[in-house]
Amino acid sequence: GFNYNGKLRSSELLLREDGEVVEIRRAERVEDYFATLDFDQLERFEV
């Protein structure tokens, strides 16, 4: 699916009671944004 306005999601951090910070989701990259799109079906694709 797509995010609102096509913005990539930032990472999410969890602060534990003992003060430890744990990354629970990494930041999305441009590759993630296009990972679900299938460009093979297009005859011509230009940017």
Protein backbone atom coordinates (compact mmCIF):
# COMPACT_ATOMS: atom_id res chain seq x y z
CA GLY A 1 0.00 0.00 0.00
CA PHE A 2 0.90 3.63 -0.16
CA ASN A 3 1.55 6.05 2.67
CA TYR A 4 -0.22 9.39 2.92
CA ASN A 5 1.29 11.83 0.40
CA GLY A 6 3.84 9.18 -0.55
CA LYS A 7 6.04 9.94 2.44
CA LEU A 8 8.38 7.25 3.63
CA ARG A 9 7.93 6.14 7.22
CA SER A 10 10.57 7.02 9.77
CA SER A 11 12.03 4.51 12.17
CA GLU A 12 10.22 3.77 15.42
CA LEU A 13 12.01 3.54 18.72
CA LEU A 14 10.85 1.96 21.95
CA LEU A 15 12.03 3.37 25.26
CA ARG A 16 12.09 0.62 27.86
CA GLU A 17 11.58 1.20 31.56
CA ASP A 18 15.29 0.61 32.21
CA GLY A 19 16.22 3.45 29.80
CA GLU A 20 17.26 1.18 26.93
CA VAL A 21 16.20 2.37 23.48
CA VAL A 22 15.28 -0.32 20.96
CA GLU A 23 14.55 0.22 17.27
CA ILE A 24 11.30 -1.62 16.55
CA ARG A 25 10.97 -0.53 12.90
CA ARG A 26 13.71 0.69 10.60
CA ALA A 27 13.24 3.78 8.46
CA GLU A 28 11.89 3.07 5.01
CA ARG A 29 14.15 3.65 2.02
CA VAL A 30 13.35 4.66 -1.55
CA GLU A 31 13.75 1.02 -2.56
CA ASP A 32 10.94 0.12 -0.14
CA TYR A 33 8.66 2.71 -1.74
CA PHE A 34 8.98 1.13 -5.18
CA ALA A 35 9.23 -2.51 -4.04
CA THR A 36 5.53 -3.28 -4.64
CA LEU A 37 5.28 -1.62 -8.06
CA ASP A 38 5.57 -3.71 -11.22
CA PHE A 39 7.24 -1.72 -14.00
CA ASP A 40 7.66 -4.78 -16.23
CA GLN A 41 4.10 -4.36 -17.54
CA LEU A 42 4.83 -0.88 -18.89
CA GLU A 43 5.91 -0.52 -22.50
CA ARG A 44 7.70 2.76 -21.87
CA PHE A 45 8.53 4.37 -18.57
CA GLU A 46 10.16 7.77 -18.41
CA VAL A 47 10.84 10.05 -15.48
